[in-house]
C-alpha atoms as a PDB file:
ATOM      1  CA  CYS A   1       1.778 140.521 -12.746  1.00  0.00           C
ATOM      2  CA  ALA A   2       1.016 138.467 -15.864  1.00  0.00           C
ATOM      3  CA  VAL A   3      -2.287 138.202 -17.716  1.00  0.00           C
ATOM      4  CA  ALA A   4      -3.199 135.602 -20.340  1.00  0.00           C
ATOM      5  CA  VAL A   5      -6.294 134.586 -22.273  1.00  0.00           C
ATOM      6  CA  MET A   6      -6.883 130.981 -23.320  1.00  0.00           C
ATOM      7  CA  ALA A   7      -9.673 128.568 -24.139  1.00  0.00           C
ATOM      8  CA  ARG A   8     -11.207 126.924 -21.069  1.00  0.00           C
ATOM      9  CA  ASN A   9     -10.707 123.452 -22.496  1.00  0.00           C
ATOM     10  CA  ARG A  10      -6.949 124.052 -22.632  1.00  0.00           C
ATOM     11  CA  VAL A  11      -6.582 125.040 -18.969  1.00  0.00           C
ATOM     12  CA  ILE A  12      -4.508 122.553 -16.952  1.00  0.00           C
ATOM     13  CA  ASP A  13      -6.702 122.069 -13.891  1.00  0.00           C
ATOM     14  CA  ASN A  14      -4.745 120.602 -10.977  1.00  0.00           C
ATOM     15  CA  SER A  15      -7.978 119.716  -9.197  1.00  0.00           C
ATOM     16  CA  ARG A  16      -7.926 116.679 -11.523  1.00  0.00           C
ATOM     17  CA  ILE A  17      -4.953 115.250  -9.635  1.00  0.00           C
ATOM     18  CA  CYS A  18      -6.371 112.108  -8.059  1.00  0.00           C
ATOM     19  CA  PRO A  19      -5.335 108.642  -6.846  1.00  0.00           C
ATOM     20  CA  GLY A  20      -4.028 106.213  -9.464  1.00  0.00           C
ATOM     21  CA  LEU A  21      -1.672 108.495 -11.395  1.00  0.00           C
ATOM     22  CA  ALA A  22       2.024 108.357 -12.199  1.00  0.00           C
ATOM     23  CA  ILE A  23       4.160 111.339 -11.158  1.00  0.00           C
ATOM     24  CA  VAL A  24       6.809 112.229 -13.734  1.00  0.00           C
ATOM     25  CA  GLY A  25       9.618 114.480 -12.503  1.00  0.00           C
ATOM     26  CA  LEU A  26      11.536 116.727 -14.903  1.00  0.00           C
ATOM     27  CA  SER A  27      15.111 117.322 -13.785  1.00  0.00           C
ATOM     28  CA  SER A  28      16.140 120.766 -12.585  1.00  0.00           C
ATOM     29  CA  SER A  29      19.841 120.293 -13.388  1.00  0.00           C
ATOM     30  CA  GLY A  30      21.906 119.491 -16.469  1.00  0.00           C
ATOM     31  CA  GLN A  31      21.635 121.412 -19.742  1.00  0.00           C
ATOM     32  CA  ALA A  32      18.426 121.656 -21.746  1.00  0.00           C
ATOM     33  CA  SER A  33      18.636 122.023 -25.519  1.00  0.00           C
ATOM     34  CA  TYR A  34      17.505 125.650 -25.190  1.00  0.00           C
ATOM     35  CA  GLU A  35      20.048 126.528 -22.471  1.00  0.00           C
ATOM     36  CA  SER A  36      23.543 127.866 -23.151  1.00  0.00           C
ATOM     37  CA  PHE A  37      25.196 126.505 -20.020  1.00  0.00           C
ATOM     38  CA  GLU A  38      24.918 123.671 -17.520  1.00  0.00           C
ATOM     39  CA  ASN A  39      22.261 124.336 -14.879  1.00  0.00           C
ATOM     40  CA  SER A  40      22.936 123.630 -11.200  1.00  0.00           C
ATOM     41  CA  GLY A  41      19.250 123.077 -10.425  1.00  0.00           C
ATOM     42  CA  ILE A  42      18.795 126.144  -8.213  1.00  0.00           C
ATOM     43  CA  GLY A  43      15.576 128.124  -8.475  1.00  0.00           C
ATOM     44  CA  SER A  44      14.927 131.718  -7.492  1.00  0.00           C
ATOM     45  CA  ASN A  45      13.050 130.519  -4.390  1.00  0.00           C
ATOM     46  CA  GLY A  46      15.659 129.566  -1.804  1.00  0.00           C
ATOM     47  CA  LEU A  47      18.457 131.478  -3.518  1.00  0.00           C
ATOM     48  CA  THR A  48      18.990 133.910  -0.631  1.00  0.00           C
ATOM     49  CA  SER A  49      19.239 131.030   1.811  1.00  0.00           C
ATOM     50  CA  ALA A  50      21.653 129.148  -0.466  1.00  0.00           C
ATOM     51  CA  ARG A  51      23.916 132.181  -0.788  1.00  0.00           C
ATOM     52  CA  HIS A  52      24.252 132.641   2.968  1.00  0.00           C
ATOM     53  CA  GLU A  53      24.663 128.921   3.679  1.00  0.00           C
ATOM     54  CA  LEU A  54      27.538 128.517   1.193  1.00  0.00           C
ATOM     55  CA  LEU A  55      29.459 131.798   0.991  1.00  0.00           C
ATOM     56  CA  SER A  56      31.929 132.947   3.644  1.00  0.00           C
ATOM     57  CA  LYS A  57      32.013 135.997   5.933  1.00  0.00           C
ATOM     58  CA  HIS A  58      34.440 137.539   3.449  1.00  0.00           C
ATOM     59  CA  TYR A  59      31.429 138.790   1.482  1.00  0.00           C
ATOM     60  CA  PHE A  60      29.805 140.412   4.495  1.00  0.00           C
ATOM     61  CA  GLU A  61      33.038 142.208   5.337  1.00  0.00           C
ATOM     62  CA  LYS A  62      33.649 143.368   1.771  1.00  0.00           C
ATOM     63  CA  TYR A  63      30.052 143.926   0.616  1.00  0.00           C
ATOM     64  CA  PRO A  64      27.905 144.722   3.686  1.00  0.00           C
ATOM     65  CA  GLU A  65      25.313 146.336   1.414  1.00  0.00           C
ATOM     66  CA  THR A  66      24.341 142.839   0.166  1.00  0.00           C
ATOM     67  CA  CYS A  67      22.721 142.050   3.519  1.00  0.00           C
ATOM     68  CA  ASP A  68      19.690 143.269   5.409  1.00  0.00           C
ATOM     69  CA  PRO A  69      21.118 145.286   8.344  1.00  0.00           C
ATOM     70  CA  ASN A  70      18.298 143.970  10.538  1.00  0.00           C
ATOM     71  CA  THR A  71      19.420 140.348  10.106  1.00  0.00           C
ATOM     72  CA  SER A  72      21.509 138.816  12.884  1.00  0.00           C
ATOM     73  CA  GLN A  73      25.117 138.262  11.805  1.00  0.00           C
ATOM     74  CA  GLU A  74      24.937 134.612  12.810  1.00  0.00           C
ATOM     75  CA  TYR A  75      22.714 134.032   9.761  1.00  0.00           C
ATOM     76  CA  ILE A  76      24.796 136.064   7.285  1.00  0.00           C
ATOM     77  CA  TYR A  77      27.332 134.357   5.000  1.00  0.00           C
ATOM     78  CA  CYS A  78      27.872 131.334   7.210  1.00  0.00           C
ATOM     79  CA  GLY A  79      29.531 129.050   4.669  1.00  0.00           C
ATOM     80  CA  PRO A  80      33.102 128.021   3.850  1.00  0.00           C
ATOM     81  CA  TYR A  81      33.282 129.060   0.194  1.00  0.00           C
ATOM     82  CA  ARG A  82      34.255 131.909  -2.067  1.00  0.00           C
ATOM     83  CA  MET A  83      32.620 132.368  -5.459  1.00  0.00           C
ATOM     84  CA  MET A  84      35.507 130.928  -7.497  1.00  0.00           C
ATOM     85  CA  ASP A  85      35.926 127.808  -5.361  1.00  0.00           C
ATOM     86  CA  PRO A  86      34.987 124.558  -7.138  1.00  0.00           C
ATOM     87  CA  LEU A  87      31.663 123.053  -6.094  1.00  0.00           C
ATOM     88  CA  PRO A  88      32.372 119.499  -4.862  1.00  0.00           C
ATOM     89  CA  GLY A  89      30.978 116.841  -7.202  1.00  0.00           C
ATOM     90  CA  SER A  90      30.337 119.336 -10.000  1.00  0.00           C
ATOM     91  CA  ASN A  91      32.012 120.924 -13.024  1.00  0.00           C
ATOM     92  CA  LEU A  92      30.793 124.315 -11.797  1.00  0.00           C
ATOM     93  CA  SER A  93      32.296 126.780  -9.358  1.00  0.00           C
ATOM     94  CA  VAL A  94      30.225 127.755  -6.331  1.00  0.00           C
ATOM     95  CA  GLY A  95      29.544 131.125  -7.949  1.00  0.00           C
ATOM     96  CA  GLN A  96      28.437 129.569 -11.239  1.00  0.00           C
ATOM     97  CA  ALA A  97      26.108 127.213  -9.398  1.00  0.00           C
ATOM     98  CA  LEU A  98      24.515 130.006  -7.371  1.00  0.00           C
ATOM     99  CA  LEU A  99      24.175 132.280 -10.407  1.00  0.00           C
ATOM    100  CA  SER A 100      22.727 129.542 -12.590  1.00  0.00           C
ATOM    101  CA  PRO A 101      19.521 130.940 -14.149  1.00  0.00           C
ATOM    102  CA  THR A 102      16.258 129.466 -12.914  1.00  0.00           C
ATOM    103  CA  ARG A 103      15.292 126.959 -15.597  1.00  0.00           C
ATOM    104  CA  THR A 104      12.177 127.792 -17.555  1.00  0.00           C
ATOM    105  CA  TYR A 105      10.117 124.734 -18.401  1.00  0.00           C
ATOM    106  CA  LEU A 106       7.890 126.635 -20.831  1.00  0.00           C
ATOM    107  CA  PRO A 107       9.102 124.964 -24.062  1.00  0.00           C
ATOM    108  CA  VAL A 108       8.780 121.424 -22.715  1.00  0.00           C
ATOM    109  CA  ALA A 109       5.583 122.113 -20.725  1.00  0.00           C
ATOM    110  CA  LYS A 110       3.973 123.574 -23.851  1.00  0.00           C
ATOM    111  CA  ALA A 111       4.875 120.450 -25.834  1.00  0.00           C
ATOM    112  CA  ILE A 112       3.578 118.125 -23.107  1.00  0.00           C
ATOM    113  CA  ALA A 113       0.287 120.013 -22.828  1.00  0.00           C
ATOM    114  CA  HIS A 114      -0.133 120.037 -26.621  1.00  0.00           C
ATOM    115  CA  GLU A 115       0.554 116.311 -27.036  1.00  0.00           C
ATOM    116  CA  LEU A 116      -1.402 115.009 -24.041  1.00  0.00           C
ATOM    117  CA  GLY A 117      -4.305 117.449 -23.948  1.00  0.00           C
ATOM    118  CA  ASP A 118      -6.868 116.371 -21.354  1.00  0.00           C
ATOM    119  CA  ARG A 119      -4.871 113.205 -20.665  1.00  0.00           C
ATOM    120  CA  LEU A 120      -2.605 115.436 -18.573  1.00  0.00           C
ATOM    121  CA  ASN A 121      -4.173 115.631 -15.111  1.00  0.00           C
ATOM    122  CA  GLY A 122      -1.879 118.281 -13.706  1.00  0.00           C
ATOM    123  CA  LEU A 123       1.448 120.096 -13.674  1.00  0.00           C
ATOM    124  CA  VAL A 124       3.078 121.131 -10.400  1.00  0.00           C
ATOM    125  CA  HIS A 125       6.013 123.540 -10.246  1.00  0.00           C
ATOM    126  CA  CYS A 126       8.025 122.585  -7.160  1.00  0.00           C
ATOM    127  CA  SER A 127       8.780 126.075  -5.873  1.00  0.00           C
ATOM    128  CA  GLY A 128       7.341 127.695  -2.786  1.00  0.00           C
ATOM    129  CA  GLY A 129       7.270 124.407  -0.926  1.00  0.00           C
ATOM    130  CA  GLY A 130       9.793 122.248  -2.743  1.00  0.00           C
ATOM    131  CA  GLN A 131       8.768 118.609  -2.855  1.00  0.00           C
ATOM    132  CA  THR A 132       5.734 119.339  -0.668  1.00  0.00           C
ATOM    133  CA  LYS A 133       4.158 121.829  -3.107  1.00  0.00           C
ATOM    134  CA  CYS A 134       1.881 119.044  -4.401  1.00  0.00           C
ATOM    135  CA  LEU A 135       0.027 118.999  -1.061  1.00  0.00           C
ATOM    136  CA  ARG A 136      -2.038 121.925  -2.336  1.00  0.00           C
ATOM    137  CA  PHE A 137      -3.536 120.092  -5.301  1.00  0.00           C
ATOM    138  CA  GLY A 138      -6.154 117.404  -5.709  1.00  0.00           C
ATOM    139  CA  SER A 139      -8.324 116.021  -2.934  1.00  0.00           C
ATOM    140  CA  GLY A 140      -7.894 112.902  -0.837  1.00  0.00           C
ATOM    141  CA  VAL A 141      -4.492 112.163  -2.363  1.00  0.00           C
ATOM    142  CA  HIS A 142      -1.427 110.444  -0.942  1.00  0.00           C
ATOM    143  CA  HIS A 143       1.566 111.556  -3.018  1.00  0.00           C
ATOM    144  CA  ILE A 144       4.240 108.850  -2.830  1.00  0.00           C
ATOM    145  CA  LYS A 145       7.675 109.857  -4.147  1.00  0.00           C
ATOM    146  CA  ASP A 146       9.876 106.779  -3.953  1.00  0.00           C
ATOM    147  CA  ASN A 147      12.089 107.052  -7.045  1.00  0.00           C
ATOM    148  CA  LEU A 148      13.606 110.524  -6.850  1.00  0.00           C
ATOM    149  CA  PHE A 149      16.576 111.817  -8.827  1.00  0.00           C
ATOM    150  CA  PRO A 150      19.945 111.847  -7.034  1.00  0.00           C
ATOM    151  CA  VAL A 151      20.403 115.091  -5.105  1.00  0.00           C
ATOM    152  CA  PRO A 152      22.343 117.586  -7.286  1.00  0.00           C
ATOM    153  CA  PRO A 153      25.756 118.621  -5.873  1.00  0.00           C
ATOM    154  CA  LEU A 154      24.614 122.163  -5.040  1.00  0.00           C
ATOM    155  CA  PHE A 155      21.833 121.009  -2.722  1.00  0.00           C
ATOM    156  CA  ALA A 156      24.046 118.331  -1.172  1.00  0.00           C
ATOM    157  CA  GLU A 157      26.648 120.973  -0.343  1.00  0.00           C
ATOM    158  CA  ILE A 158      24.042 123.378   1.062  1.00  0.00           C
ATOM    159  CA  GLN A 159      22.880 120.653   3.415  1.00  0.00           C
ATOM    160  CA  LYS A 160      26.419 119.677   4.391  1.00  0.00           C
ATOM    161  CA  SER A 161      27.451 123.278   5.096  1.00  0.00           C
ATOM    162  CA  SER A 162      24.303 124.274   6.962  1.00  0.00           C
ATOM    163  CA  GLY A 163      23.366 121.082   8.774  1.00  0.00           C
ATOM    164  CA  THR A 164      19.794 121.485   7.528  1.00  0.00           C
ATOM    165  CA  THR A 165      17.604 118.420   8.091  1.00  0.00           C
ATOM    166  CA  ASP A 166      16.328 116.244   5.249  1.00  0.00           C
ATOM    167  CA  GLU A 167      12.805 117.316   6.155  1.00  0.00           C
ATOM    168  CA  GLU A 168      13.538 121.016   5.725  1.00  0.00           C
ATOM    169  CA  MET A 169      15.694 120.580   2.614  1.00  0.00           C
ATOM    170  CA  HIS A 170      12.811 118.920   0.776  1.00  0.00           C
ATOM    171  CA  GLN A 171      10.452 121.721   1.816  1.00  0.00           C
ATOM    172  CA  VAL A 172      12.769 124.545   0.736  1.00  0.00           C
ATOM    173  CA  TYR A 173      14.611 123.214  -2.334  1.00  0.00           C
ATOM    174  CA  ASN A 174      13.511 121.158  -5.335  1.00  0.00           C
ATOM    175  CA  MET A 175      16.244 118.570  -4.591  1.00  0.00           C
ATOM    176  CA  GLY A 176      16.534 117.354  -8.179  1.00  0.00           C
ATOM    177  CA  HIS A 177      13.341 118.078 -10.106  1.00  0.00           C
ATOM    178  CA  ARG A 178      11.269 121.237 -10.239  1.00  0.00           C
ATOM    179  CA  LEU A 179       8.364 120.236 -12.491  1.00  0.00           C
ATOM    180  CA  GLU A 180       5.975 117.334 -12.035  1.00  0.00           C
ATOM    181  CA  ALA A 181       3.511 115.972 -14.586  1.00  0.00           C
ATOM    182  CA  TYR A 182       0.571 113.916 -13.306  1.00  0.00           C
ATOM    183  CA  CYS A 183      -0.859 111.429 -15.788  1.00  0.00           C
ATOM    184  CA  SER A 184      -1.584 107.747 -16.354  1.00  0.00           C
ATOM    185  CA  GLU A 185       1.292 105.279 -16.347  1.00  0.00           C
ATOM    186  CA  GLU A 186       0.783 104.819 -20.094  1.00  0.00           C
ATOM    187  CA  GLN A 187       1.070 108.555 -20.779  1.00  0.00           C
ATOM    188  CA  SER A 188       4.108 108.868 -18.509  1.00  0.00           C
ATOM    189  CA  ARG A 189       6.291 107.309 -21.207  1.00  0.00           C
ATOM    190  CA  GLN A 190       5.249 110.028 -23.637  1.00  0.00           C
ATOM    191  CA  VAL A 191       6.024 112.761 -21.090  1.00  0.00           C
ATOM    192  CA  ILE A 192       9.495 111.301 -20.550  1.00  0.00           C
ATOM    193  CA  GLU A 193      10.169 111.114 -24.301  1.00  0.00           C
ATOM    194  CA  ILE A 194       9.065 114.716 -24.839  1.00  0.00           C
ATOM    195  CA  SER A 195      11.214 115.942 -21.965  1.00  0.00           C
ATOM    196  CA  GLN A 196      14.256 114.035 -23.172  1.00  0.00           C
ATOM    197  CA  SER A 197      13.808 115.513 -26.656  1.00  0.00           C
ATOM    198  CA  PHE A 198      14.582 118.877 -25.024  1.00  0.00           C
ATOM    199  CA  GLY A 199      17.663 117.469 -23.294  1.00  0.00           C
ATOM    200  CA  ILE A 200      15.919 117.366 -19.908  1.00  0.00           C
ATOM    201  CA  ASP A 201      16.138 114.115 -17.983  1.00  0.00           C
ATOM    202  CA  ALA A 202      12.787 112.806 -16.775  1.00  0.00           C
ATOM    203  CA  GLN A 203      11.558 109.740 -14.939  1.00  0.00           C
ATOM    204  CA  VAL A 204       8.578 108.415 -13.006  1.00  0.00           C
ATOM    205  CA  ILE A 205       9.453 109.582  -9.498  1.00  0.00           C
ATOM    206  CA  GLY A 206       6.341 108.269  -7.783  1.00  0.00           C
ATOM    207  CA  ARG A 207       2.597 107.804  -7.858  1.00  0.00           C
ATOM    208  CA  THR A 208      -0.641 108.909  -6.252  1.00  0.00           C
ATOM    209  CA  GLU A 209      -2.799 106.724  -4.056  1.00  0.00           C
ATOM    210  CA  ALA A 210      -5.868 107.335  -1.920  1.00  0.00           C
ATOM    211  CA  SER A 211      -5.236 109.340   1.243  1.00  0.00           C
ATOM    212  CA  GLU A 212      -4.653 107.239   4.343  1.00  0.00           C
ATOM    213  CA  ARG A 213      -5.742 110.055   6.662  1.00  0.00           C
ATOM    214  CA  THR A 214      -9.005 109.615   8.550  1.00  0.00           C
ATOM    215  CA  ASP A 215     -10.117 113.040   7.327  1.00  0.00           C
ATOM    216  CA  GLN A 216      -8.978 112.242   3.751  1.00  0.00           C
ATOM    217  CA  THR A 217      -6.584 115.204   3.605  1.00  0.00           C
ATOM    218  CA  ASN A 218      -3.649 115.187   1.217  1.00  0.00           C
ATOM    219  CA  HIS A 219      -0.272 113.981   2.439  1.00  0.00           C
ATOM    220  CA  VAL A 220       3.164 113.275   0.970  1.00  0.00           C
ATOM    221  CA  SER A 221       5.664 110.474   1.602  1.00  0.00           C
ATOM    222  CA  ILE A 222       9.193 111.085   0.305  1.00  0.00           C
ATOM    223  CA  HIS A 223      11.580 108.128   0.230  1.00  0.00           C
ATOM    224  CA  ARG A 224      15.215 109.164   0.444  1.00  0.00           C
ATOM    225  CA  GLN A 225      18.226 107.025   1.433  1.00  0.00           C
ATOM    226  CA  GLY A 226      16.254 104.486   3.421  1.00  0.00           C
ATOM    227  CA  ARG A 227      14.127 107.086   5.209  1.00  0.00           C
ATOM    228  CA  VAL A 228      10.523 108.096   4.636  1.00  0.00           C
ATOM    229  CA  LEU A 229       9.828 111.801   5.138  1.00  0.00           C
ATOM    230  CA  SER A 230       6.160 112.500   5.858  1.00  0.00           C
ATOM    231  CA  TYR A 231       4.310 115.780   5.339  1.00  0.00           C
ATOM    232  CA  GLY A 232       0.702 116.849   5.642  1.00  0.00           C
END
């Protein structure tokens, strides 16, 4: 539990997310200026699933205490890797990628909020829903994400090893960026510059438009490798 006190006029109110905004994604991988090591992009949400999708039965046999005894063995350590194996497409080992600390965006988010003030319509942390987390914010919004970052090697390997669908991967994992800033197109350039000053890659990954649903509910369209994944 965390408690904070702040002035009302400094609260970032995600109810202000509306049609007509740019969505700036801040990368979840790479190495920020305040990090000591390269980050794989993994977050604490989804870590248990990632561990069992990538690591081999060797770990169940040697360390049975790392598993819930009530879980069926078909879901336990189903992958092909050991911790020291190299992660394909990466400079990291599988173990390093899985143990990569969840990136804190506090330094860069603080700078963005300070510089933009009320010109920042919202910040969405893409955990607990991955790329569909934004469904919960704003009203009558169609979130269109058509310029996403390339999928980091860790998530690509999780999908390859597990056979998980694109639809589920984007609901469980951040798939390349774990923080979104919602602002005008003009302000998006400032957000990108601030993020890059911390060594974090950032880009406009999409936009918001008016909901196309007859009941005006929020929905998300994710464009990935020639497909459009729809949620909401």
